[in-house]
All heavy atoms as atom14 arrays in JSON, in Angstrom:
{
  "sequence": "VIRALTGNLVGTATVTVLGRPALIEISVQPSPVTVNAGKSI",
  "atom14_mask": [
    [1, 1, 1, 1, 1, 1, 1, 0, 0, 0, 0, 0, 0, 0],
    [1, 1, 1, 1, 1, 1, 1, 1, 0, 0, 0, 0, 0, 0],
    [1, 1, 1, 1, 1, 1, 1, 1, 1, 1, 1, 0, 0, 0],
    [1, 1, 1, 1, 1, 0, 0, 0, 0, 0, 0, 0, 0, 0],
    [1, 1, 1, 1, 1, 1, 1, 1, 0, 0, 0, 0, 0, 0],
    [1, 1, 1, 1, 1, 1, 1, 0, 0, 0, 0, 0, 0, 0],
    [1, 1, 1, 1, 0, 0, 0, 0, 0, 0, 0, 0, 0, 0],
    [1, 1, 1, 1, 1, 1, 1, 1, 0, 0, 0, 0, 0, 0],
    [1, 1, 1, 1, 1, 1, 1, 1, 0, 0, 0, 0, 0, 0],
    [1, 1, 1, 1, 1, 1, 1, 0, 0, 0, 0, 0, 0, 0],
    [1, 1, 1, 1, 0, 0, 0, 0, 0, 0, 0, 0, 0, 0],
    [1, 1, 1, 1, 1, 1, 1, 0, 0, 0, 0, 0, 0, 0],
    [1, 1, 1, 1, 1, 0, 0, 0, 0, 0, 0, 0, 0, 0],
    [1, 1, 1, 1, 1, 1, 1, 0, 0, 0, 0, 0, 0, 0],
    [1, 1, 1, 1, 1, 1, 1, 0, 0, 0, 0, 0, 0, 0],
    [1, 1, 1, 1, 1, 1, 1, 0, 0, 0, 0, 0, 0, 0],
    [1, 1, 1, 1, 1, 1, 1, 0, 0, 0, 0, 0, 0, 0],
    [1, 1, 1, 1, 1, 1, 1, 1, 0, 0, 0, 0, 0, 0],
    [1, 1, 1, 1, 0, 0, 0, 0, 0, 0, 0, 0, 0, 0],
    [1, 1, 1, 1, 1, 1, 1, 1, 1, 1, 1, 0, 0, 0],
    [1, 1, 1, 1, 1, 1, 1, 0, 0, 0, 0, 0, 0, 0],
    [1, 1, 1, 1, 1, 0, 0, 0, 0, 0, 0, 0, 0, 0],
    [1, 1, 1, 1, 1, 1, 1, 1, 0, 0, 0, 0, 0, 0],
    [1, 1, 1, 1, 1, 1, 1, 1, 0, 0, 0, 0, 0, 0],
    [1, 1, 1, 1, 1, 1, 1, 1, 1, 0, 0, 0, 0, 0],
    [1, 1, 1, 1, 1, 1, 1, 1, 0, 0, 0, 0, 0, 0],
    [1, 1, 1, 1, 1, 1, 0, 0, 0, 0, 0, 0, 0, 0],
    [1, 1, 1, 1, 1, 1, 1, 0, 0, 0, 0, 0, 0, 0],
    [1, 1, 1, 1, 1, 1, 1, 1, 1, 0, 0, 0, 0, 0],
    [1, 1, 1, 1, 1, 1, 1, 0, 0, 0, 0, 0, 0, 0],
    [1, 1, 1, 1, 1, 1, 0, 0, 0, 0, 0, 0, 0, 0],
    [1, 1, 1, 1, 1, 1, 1, 0, 0, 0, 0, 0, 0, 0],
    [1, 1, 1, 1, 1, 1, 1, 0, 0, 0, 0, 0, 0, 0],
    [1, 1, 1, 1, 1, 1, 1, 0, 0, 0, 0, 0, 0, 0],
    [1, 1, 1, 1, 1, 1, 1, 0, 0, 0, 0, 0, 0, 0],
    [1, 1, 1, 1, 1, 1, 1, 1, 0, 0, 0, 0, 0, 0],
    [1, 1, 1, 1, 1, 0, 0, 0, 0, 0, 0, 0, 0, 0],
    [1, 1, 1, 1, 0, 0, 0, 0, 0, 0, 0, 0, 0, 0],
    [1, 1, 1, 1, 1, 1, 1, 1, 1, 0, 0, 0, 0, 0],
    [1, 1, 1, 1, 1, 1, 0, 0, 0, 0, 0, 0, 0, 0],
    [1, 1, 1, 1, 1, 1, 1, 1, 0, 0, 0, 0, 0, 0]
  ],
  "atom14_positions": [
    [[-10.91, -24.86, -91.0], [-9.49, -24.65, -91.28], [-8.96, -23.63, -90.3], [-9.49, -22.52, -90.18], [-9.26, -24.17, -92.72], [-7.77, -23.86, -92.96], [-9.77, -25.2, -93.71], [0.0, 0.0, 0.0], [0.0, 0.0, 0.0], [0.0, 0.0, 0.0], [0.0, 0.0, 0.0], [0.0, 0.0, 0.0], [0.0, 0.0, 0.0], [0.0, 0.0, 0.0]],
    [[-7.91, -23.96, -89.59], [-7.3, -23.08, -88.6], [-5.95, -22.62, -89.13], [-5.12, -23.44, -89.56], [-7.12, -23.81, -87.25], [-8.5, -24.27, -86.73], [-6.43, -22.91, -86.23], [-8.4, -25.11, -85.48], [0.0, 0.0, 0.0], [0.0, 0.0, 0.0], [0.0, 0.0, 0.0], [0.0, 0.0, 0.0], [0.0, 0.0, 0.0], [0.0, 0.0, 0.0]],
    [[-5.74, -21.28, -89.12], [-4.47, -20.72, -89.58], [-3.77, -20.03, -88.43], [-4.41, -19.36, -87.62], [-4.7, -19.71, -90.71], [-5.18, -20.35, -92.01], [-5.27, -19.32, -93.12], [-5.66, -19.94, -94.37], [-5.78, -19.28, -95.52], [-5.53, -17.97, -95.55], [-6.14, -19.92, -96.62], [0.0, 0.0, 0.0], [0.0, 0.0, 0.0], [0.0, 0.0, 0.0]],
    [[-2.45, -20.16, -88.41], [-1.62, -19.49, -87.4], [-0.57, -18.66, -88.12], [0.13, -19.15, -89.02], [-0.97, -20.5, -86.48], [0.0, 0.0, 0.0], [0.0, 0.0, 0.0], [0.0, 0.0, 0.0], [0.0, 0.0, 0.0], [0.0, 0.0, 0.0], [0.0, 0.0, 0.0], [0.0, 0.0, 0.0], [0.0, 0.0, 0.0], [0.0, 0.0, 0.0]],
    [[-0.46, -17.39, -87.77], [0.51, -16.48, -88.39], [1.55, -16.05, -87.37], [1.22, -15.72, -86.24], [-0.22, -15.23, -88.93], [-1.3, -15.46, -89.98], [-1.98, -14.14, -90.32], [-0.72, -16.1, -91.23], [0.0, 0.0, 0.0], [0.0, 0.0, 0.0], [0.0, 0.0, 0.0], [0.0, 0.0, 0.0], [0.0, 0.0, 0.0], [0.0, 0.0, 0.0]],
    [[2.82, -16.04, -87.79], [3.89, -15.49, -86.96], [4.97, -14.97, -87.9], [5.61, -15.74, -88.64], [4.46, -16.53, -85.98], [5.56, -15.94, -85.28], [4.91, -17.8, -86.65], [0.0, 0.0, 0.0], [0.0, 0.0, 0.0], [0.0, 0.0, 0.0], [0.0, 0.0, 0.0], [0.0, 0.0, 0.0], [0.0, 0.0, 0.0], [0.0, 0.0, 0.0]],
    [[5.13, -13.7, -87.94], [6.08, -13.11, -88.87], [5.65, -13.39, -90.3], [4.53, -13.11, -90.72], [0.0, 0.0, 0.0], [0.0, 0.0, 0.0], [0.0, 0.0, 0.0], [0.0, 0.0, 0.0], [0.0, 0.0, 0.0], [0.0, 0.0, 0.0], [0.0, 0.0, 0.0], [0.0, 0.0, 0.0], [0.0, 0.0, 0.0], [0.0, 0.0, 0.0]],
    [[6.6, -13.95, -91.08], [6.29, -14.32, -92.46], [5.85, -15.77, -92.6], [5.68, -16.27, -93.71], [7.52, -14.08, -93.35], [7.87, -12.6, -93.44], [6.98, -11.77, -93.46], [9.17, -12.29, -93.51], [0.0, 0.0, 0.0], [0.0, 0.0, 0.0], [0.0, 0.0, 0.0], [0.0, 0.0, 0.0], [0.0, 0.0, 0.0], [0.0, 0.0, 0.0]],
    [[5.66, -16.44, -91.46], [5.3, -17.85, -91.52], [3.81, -18.03, -91.3], [3.19, -17.37, -90.47], [6.07, -18.62, -90.44], [7.6, -18.58, -90.54], [8.23, -19.3, -89.36], [8.06, -19.19, -91.87], [0.0, 0.0, 0.0], [0.0, 0.0, 0.0], [0.0, 0.0, 0.0], [0.0, 0.0, 0.0], [0.0, 0.0, 0.0], [0.0, 0.0, 0.0]],
    [[3.25, -18.9, -92.08], [1.82, -19.22, -91.99], [1.67, -20.73, -91.84], [2.26, -21.5, -92.61], [1.03, -18.75, -93.23], [-0.44, -19.13, -93.09], [1.17, -17.26, -93.42], [0.0, 0.0, 0.0], [0.0, 0.0, 0.0], [0.0, 0.0, 0.0], [0.0, 0.0, 0.0], [0.0, 0.0, 0.0], [0.0, 0.0, 0.0], [0.0, 0.0, 0.0]],
    [[0.91, -21.12, -90.84], [0.63, -22.55, -90.66], [-0.87, -22.8, -90.69], [-1.66, -21.97, -90.21], [0.0, 0.0, 0.0], [0.0, 0.0, 0.0], [0.0, 0.0, 0.0], [0.0, 0.0, 0.0], [0.0, 0.0, 0.0], [0.0, 0.0, 0.0], [0.0, 0.0, 0.0], [0.0, 0.0, 0.0], [0.0, 0.0, 0.0], [0.0, 0.0, 0.0]],
    [[-1.27, -23.89, -91.27], [-2.7, -24.21, -91.34], [-2.93, -25.64, -90.85], [-2.06, -26.5, -90.95], [-3.25, -24.07, -92.77], [-2.57, -25.0, -93.61], [-3.07, -22.66, -93.3], [0.0, 0.0, 0.0], [0.0, 0.0, 0.0], [0.0, 0.0, 0.0], [0.0, 0.0, 0.0], [0.0, 0.0, 0.0], [0.0, 0.0, 0.0], [0.0, 0.0, 0.0]],
    [[-4.11, -25.82, -90.33], [-4.53, -27.16, -89.91], [-6.01, -27.32, -90.21], [-6.79, -26.37, -90.07], [-4.27, -27.38, -88.43], [0.0, 0.0, 0.0], [0.0, 0.0, 0.0], [0.0, 0.0, 0.0], [0.0, 0.0, 0.0], [0.0, 0.0, 0.0], [0.0, 0.0, 0.0], [0.0, 0.0, 0.0], [0.0, 0.0, 0.0], [0.0, 0.0, 0.0]],
    [[-6.38, -28.47, -90.65], [-7.78, -28.75, -90.96], [-8.37, -29.65, -89.88], [-7.79, -30.71, -89.57], [-7.92, -29.44, -92.32], [-7.37, -28.57, -93.32], [-9.38, -29.72, -92.64], [0.0, 0.0, 0.0], [0.0, 0.0, 0.0], [0.0, 0.0, 0.0], [0.0, 0.0, 0.0], [0.0, 0.0, 0.0], [0.0, 0.0, 0.0], [0.0, 0.0, 0.0]],
    [[-9.46, -29.19, -89.29], [-10.13, -29.96, -88.25], [-11.49, -30.42, -88.77], [-12.3, -29.6, -89.22], [-10.34, -29.13, -86.96], [-11.09, -29.94, -85.92], [-8.99, -28.66, -86.42], [0.0, 0.0, 0.0], [0.0, 0.0, 0.0], [0.0, 0.0, 0.0], [0.0, 0.0, 0.0], [0.0, 0.0, 0.0], [0.0, 0.0, 0.0], [0.0, 0.0, 0.0]],
    [[-11.72, -31.69, -88.75], [-13.0, -32.25, -89.19], [-13.8, -32.7, -87.97], [-13.31, -33.51, -87.17], [-12.79, -33.46, -90.12], [-12.03, -33.03, -91.26], [-14.12, -34.02, -90.58], [0.0, 0.0, 0.0], [0.0, 0.0, 0.0], [0.0, 0.0, 0.0], [0.0, 0.0, 0.0], [0.0, 0.0, 0.0], [0.0, 0.0, 0.0], [0.0, 0.0, 0.0]],
    [[-14.97, -32.12, -87.79], [-15.84, -32.48, -86.66], [-16.91, -33.43, -87.17], [-17.7, -33.08, -88.05], [-16.49, -31.23, -86.03], [-17.38, -31.64, -84.86], [-15.41, -30.24, -85.59], [0.0, 0.0, 0.0], [0.0, 0.0, 0.0], [0.0, 0.0, 0.0], [0.0, 0.0, 0.0], [0.0, 0.0, 0.0], [0.0, 0.0, 0.0], [0.0, 0.0, 0.0]],
    [[-16.89, -34.62, -86.65], [-17.85, -35.62, -87.07], [-19.14, -35.51, -86.26], [-19.09, -35.39, -85.04], [-17.26, -37.03, -86.89], [-16.01, -37.34, -87.71], [-15.49, -38.72, -87.33], [-16.29, -37.24, -89.2], [0.0, 0.0, 0.0], [0.0, 0.0, 0.0], [0.0, 0.0, 0.0], [0.0, 0.0, 0.0], [0.0, 0.0, 0.0], [0.0, 0.0, 0.0]],
    [[-20.27, -35.49, -86.93], [-21.56, -35.49, -86.24], [-21.86, -36.86, -85.65], [-21.15, -37.84, -85.93], [0.0, 0.0, 0.0], [0.0, 0.0, 0.0], [0.0, 0.0, 0.0], [0.0, 0.0, 0.0], [0.0, 0.0, 0.0], [0.0, 0.0, 0.0], [0.0, 0.0, 0.0], [0.0, 0.0, 0.0], [0.0, 0.0, 0.0], [0.0, 0.0, 0.0]],
    [[-22.91, -36.9, -84.82], [-23.27, -38.17, -84.21], [-23.74, -39.12, -85.3], [-24.43, -38.71, -86.24], [-24.38, -37.98, -83.18], [-24.74, -39.26, -82.44], [-25.33, -38.99, -81.09], [-25.25, -40.16, -80.25], [-25.48, -40.15, -78.95], [-25.8, -39.03, -78.35], [-25.4, -41.25, -78.23], [0.0, 0.0, 0.0], [0.0, 0.0, 0.0], [0.0, 0.0, 0.0]],
    [[-23.39, -40.4, -85.19], [-23.86, -41.37, -86.18], [-25.39, -41.36, -86.27], [-26.08, -40.94, -85.34], [-23.34, -42.71, -85.63], [-22.2, -42.34, -84.76], [-22.56, -41.02, -84.16], [0.0, 0.0, 0.0], [0.0, 0.0, 0.0], [0.0, 0.0, 0.0], [0.0, 0.0, 0.0], [0.0, 0.0, 0.0], [0.0, 0.0, 0.0], [0.0, 0.0, 0.0]],
    [[-25.9, -41.82, -87.36], [-27.34, -41.81, -87.6], [-28.06, -42.72, -86.61], [-27.58, -43.8, -86.26], [-27.63, -42.25, -89.02], [0.0, 0.0, 0.0], [0.0, 0.0, 0.0], [0.0, 0.0, 0.0], [0.0, 0.0, 0.0], [0.0, 0.0, 0.0], [0.0, 0.0, 0.0], [0.0, 0.0, 0.0], [0.0, 0.0, 0.0], [0.0, 0.0, 0.0]],
    [[-29.23, -42.24, -86.16], [-30.09, -43.05, -85.31], [-30.77, -44.1, -86.17], [-31.4, -43.77, -87.18], [-31.15, -42.17, -84.64], [-32.18, -42.86, -83.75], [-31.51, -43.43, -82.5], [-33.28, -41.87, -83.35], [0.0, 0.0, 0.0], [0.0, 0.0, 0.0], [0.0, 0.0, 0.0], [0.0, 0.0, 0.0], [0.0, 0.0, 0.0], [0.0, 0.0, 0.0]],
    [[-30.64, -45.35, -85.8], [-31.19, -46.41, -86.65], [-32.3, -47.22, -85.98], [-33.06, -47.91, -86.65], [-30.08, -47.37, -87.13], [-29.39, -48.04, -85.94], [-29.07, -46.65, -88.01], [-28.39, -49.11, -86.35], [0.0, 0.0, 0.0], [0.0, 0.0, 0.0], [0.0, 0.0, 0.0], [0.0, 0.0, 0.0], [0.0, 0.0, 0.0], [0.0, 0.0, 0.0]],
    [[-32.41, -47.12, -84.65], [-33.4, -47.96, -83.98], [-33.77, -47.36, -82.63], [-32.93, -46.77, -81.94], [-32.86, -49.37, -83.78], [-33.83, -50.33, -83.13], [-33.2, -51.7, -82.9], [-32.0, -51.75, -82.54], [-33.89, -52.72, -83.09], [0.0, 0.0, 0.0], [0.0, 0.0, 0.0], [0.0, 0.0, 0.0], [0.0, 0.0, 0.0], [0.0, 0.0, 0.0]],
    [[-35.05, -47.5, -82.25], [-35.52, -47.11, -80.92], [-36.22, -48.3, -80.3], [-37.06, -48.94, -80.93], [-36.49, -45.91, -80.99], [-35.77, -44.65, -81.46], [-37.13, -45.66, -79.63], [-36.69, -43.47, -81.68], [0.0, 0.0, 0.0], [0.0, 0.0, 0.0], [0.0, 0.0, 0.0], [0.0, 0.0, 0.0], [0.0, 0.0, 0.0], [0.0, 0.0, 0.0]],
    [[-35.85, -48.59, -79.07], [-36.55, -49.65, -78.34], [-37.21, -49.04, -77.11], [-36.63, -48.18, -76.45], [-35.59, -50.77, -77.92], [-34.59, -50.27, -77.05], [0.0, 0.0, 0.0], [0.0, 0.0, 0.0], [0.0, 0.0, 0.0], [0.0, 0.0, 0.0], [0.0, 0.0, 0.0], [0.0, 0.0, 0.0], [0.0, 0.0, 0.0], [0.0, 0.0, 0.0]],
    [[-38.45, -49.46, -76.83], [-39.2, -48.97, -75.68], [-39.13, -50.03, -74.59], [-39.45, -51.2, -74.8], [-40.67, -48.69, -76.07], [-41.48, -48.31, -74.84], [-40.73, -47.56, -77.1], [0.0, 0.0, 0.0], [0.0, 0.0, 0.0], [0.0, 0.0, 0.0], [0.0, 0.0, 0.0], [0.0, 0.0, 0.0], [0.0, 0.0, 0.0], [0.0, 0.0, 0.0]],
    [[-38.7, -49.62, -73.4], [-38.47, -50.54, -72.29], [-39.18, -50.03, -71.03], [-39.26, -48.81, -70.83], [-36.97, -50.67, -72.03], [-36.17, -51.1, -73.23], [-34.68, -50.97, -73.0], [-34.22, -50.55, -71.93], [-33.88, -51.32, -74.0], [0.0, 0.0, 0.0], [0.0, 0.0, 0.0], [0.0, 0.0, 0.0], [0.0, 0.0, 0.0], [0.0, 0.0, 0.0]],
    [[-39.66, -50.93, -70.14], [-39.79, -52.36, -70.36], [-40.98, -52.68, -71.26], [-41.93, -51.89, -71.33], [-40.01, -52.9, -68.94], [-40.71, -51.78, -68.23], [-40.14, -50.51, -68.8], [0.0, 0.0, 0.0], [0.0, 0.0, 0.0], [0.0, 0.0, 0.0], [0.0, 0.0, 0.0], [0.0, 0.0, 0.0], [0.0, 0.0, 0.0], [0.0, 0.0, 0.0]],
    [[-40.95, -53.81, -71.89], [-42.03, -54.24, -72.75], [-41.96, -55.75, -72.94], [-40.87, -56.27, -73.2], [-41.95, -53.55, -74.11], [-42.96, -54.01, -74.96], [0.0, 0.0, 0.0], [0.0, 0.0, 0.0], [0.0, 0.0, 0.0], [0.0, 0.0, 0.0], [0.0, 0.0, 0.0], [0.0, 0.0, 0.0], [0.0, 0.0, 0.0], [0.0, 0.0, 0.0]],
    [[-43.1, -56.44, -72.81], [-44.4, -55.92, -72.37], [-44.4, -55.63, -70.88], [-43.58, -56.17, -70.14], [-45.36, -57.05, -72.72], [-44.52, -58.28, -72.6], [-43.15, -57.89, -73.1], [0.0, 0.0, 0.0], [0.0, 0.0, 0.0], [0.0, 0.0, 0.0], [0.0, 0.0, 0.0], [0.0, 0.0, 0.0], [0.0, 0.0, 0.0], [0.0, 0.0, 0.0]],
    [[-45.3, -54.75, -70.46], [-45.4, -54.4, -69.05], [-46.87, -54.32, -68.67], [-47.72, -53.97, -69.49], [-44.68, -53.05, -68.78], [-45.37, -51.9, -69.5], [-44.58, -52.77, -67.3], [0.0, 0.0, 0.0], [0.0, 0.0, 0.0], [0.0, 0.0, 0.0], [0.0, 0.0, 0.0], [0.0, 0.0, 0.0], [0.0, 0.0, 0.0], [0.0, 0.0, 0.0]],
    [[-47.17, -54.68, -67.42], [-48.55, -54.66, -66.94], [-48.72, -53.58, -65.88], [-47.85, -53.39, -65.02], [-48.92, -56.04, -66.33], [-48.8, -57.04, -67.35], [-50.36, -56.04, -65.82], [0.0, 0.0, 0.0], [0.0, 0.0, 0.0], [0.0, 0.0, 0.0], [0.0, 0.0, 0.0], [0.0, 0.0, 0.0], [0.0, 0.0, 0.0], [0.0, 0.0, 0.0]],
    [[-49.84, -52.86, -65.96], [-50.14, -51.81, -65.0], [-51.62, -51.88, -64.66], [-52.44, -52.26, -65.51], [-49.77, -50.42, -65.58], [-50.59, -50.09, -66.81], [-49.92, -49.34, -64.53], [0.0, 0.0, 0.0], [0.0, 0.0, 0.0], [0.0, 0.0, 0.0], [0.0, 0.0, 0.0], [0.0, 0.0, 0.0], [0.0, 0.0, 0.0], [0.0, 0.0, 0.0]],
    [[-51.96, -51.54, -63.43], [-53.36, -51.51, -63.03], [-54.03, -50.25, -63.54], [-53.38, -49.21, -63.71], [-53.5, -51.55, -61.51], [-53.11, -52.89, -60.92], [-53.27, -53.92, -61.55], [-52.59, -52.88, -59.7], [0.0, 0.0, 0.0], [0.0, 0.0, 0.0], [0.0, 0.0, 0.0], [0.0, 0.0, 0.0], [0.0, 0.0, 0.0], [0.0, 0.0, 0.0]],
    [[-55.33, -50.32, -63.8], [-56.08, -49.13, -64.18], [-55.97, -48.1, -63.05], [-56.08, -48.43, -61.88], [-57.54, -49.49, -64.43], [0.0, 0.0, 0.0], [0.0, 0.0, 0.0], [0.0, 0.0, 0.0], [0.0, 0.0, 0.0], [0.0, 0.0, 0.0], [0.0, 0.0, 0.0], [0.0, 0.0, 0.0], [0.0, 0.0, 0.0], [0.0, 0.0, 0.0]],
    [[-55.71, -46.86, -63.44], [-55.56, -45.8, -62.46], [-54.14, -45.64, -61.94], [-53.84, -44.68, -61.22], [0.0, 0.0, 0.0], [0.0, 0.0, 0.0], [0.0, 0.0, 0.0], [0.0, 0.0, 0.0], [0.0, 0.0, 0.0], [0.0, 0.0, 0.0], [0.0, 0.0, 0.0], [0.0, 0.0, 0.0], [0.0, 0.0, 0.0], [0.0, 0.0, 0.0]],
    [[-53.25, -46.56, -62.3], [-51.85, -46.48, -61.87], [-50.96, -46.11, -63.05], [-51.36, -46.2, -64.21], [-51.4, -47.81, -61.26], [-52.23, -48.25, -60.06], [-52.12, -47.28, -58.92], [-52.9, -47.76, -57.71], [-52.82, -46.82, -56.57], [0.0, 0.0, 0.0], [0.0, 0.0, 0.0], [0.0, 0.0, 0.0], [0.0, 0.0, 0.0], [0.0, 0.0, 0.0]],
    [[-49.74, -45.68, -62.75], [-48.82, -45.24, -63.8], [-47.49, -45.96, -63.72], [-47.09, -46.45, -62.65], [-48.57, -43.72, -63.69], [-49.77, -43.0, -63.83], [0.0, 0.0, 0.0], [0.0, 0.0, 0.0], [0.0, 0.0, 0.0], [0.0, 0.0, 0.0], [0.0, 0.0, 0.0], [0.0, 0.0, 0.0], [0.0, 0.0, 0.0], [0.0, 0.0, 0.0]],
    [[-46.81, -46.0, -64.85], [-45.47, -46.59, -64.92], [-44.67, -45.82, -65.97], [-45.21, -45.39, -66.99], [-45.54, -48.1, -65.28], [-44.16, -48.73, -65.16], [-46.14, -48.32, -66.66], [-44.18, -50.25, -65.28], [0.0, 0.0, 0.0], [0.0, 0.0, 0.0], [0.0, 0.0, 0.0], [0.0, 0.0, 0.0], [0.0, 0.0, 0.0], [0.0, 0.0, 0.0]]
  ]
}
């Protein structure tokens, strides 16, 4: 809640900050993937 005062006047405003939506899924990419032994990806 934000309030502003000037003289005898008072003003208020309500600010709602929304959080990030819920994480619902994780995908691992690329898949399937092939790699040689001793090598990295």
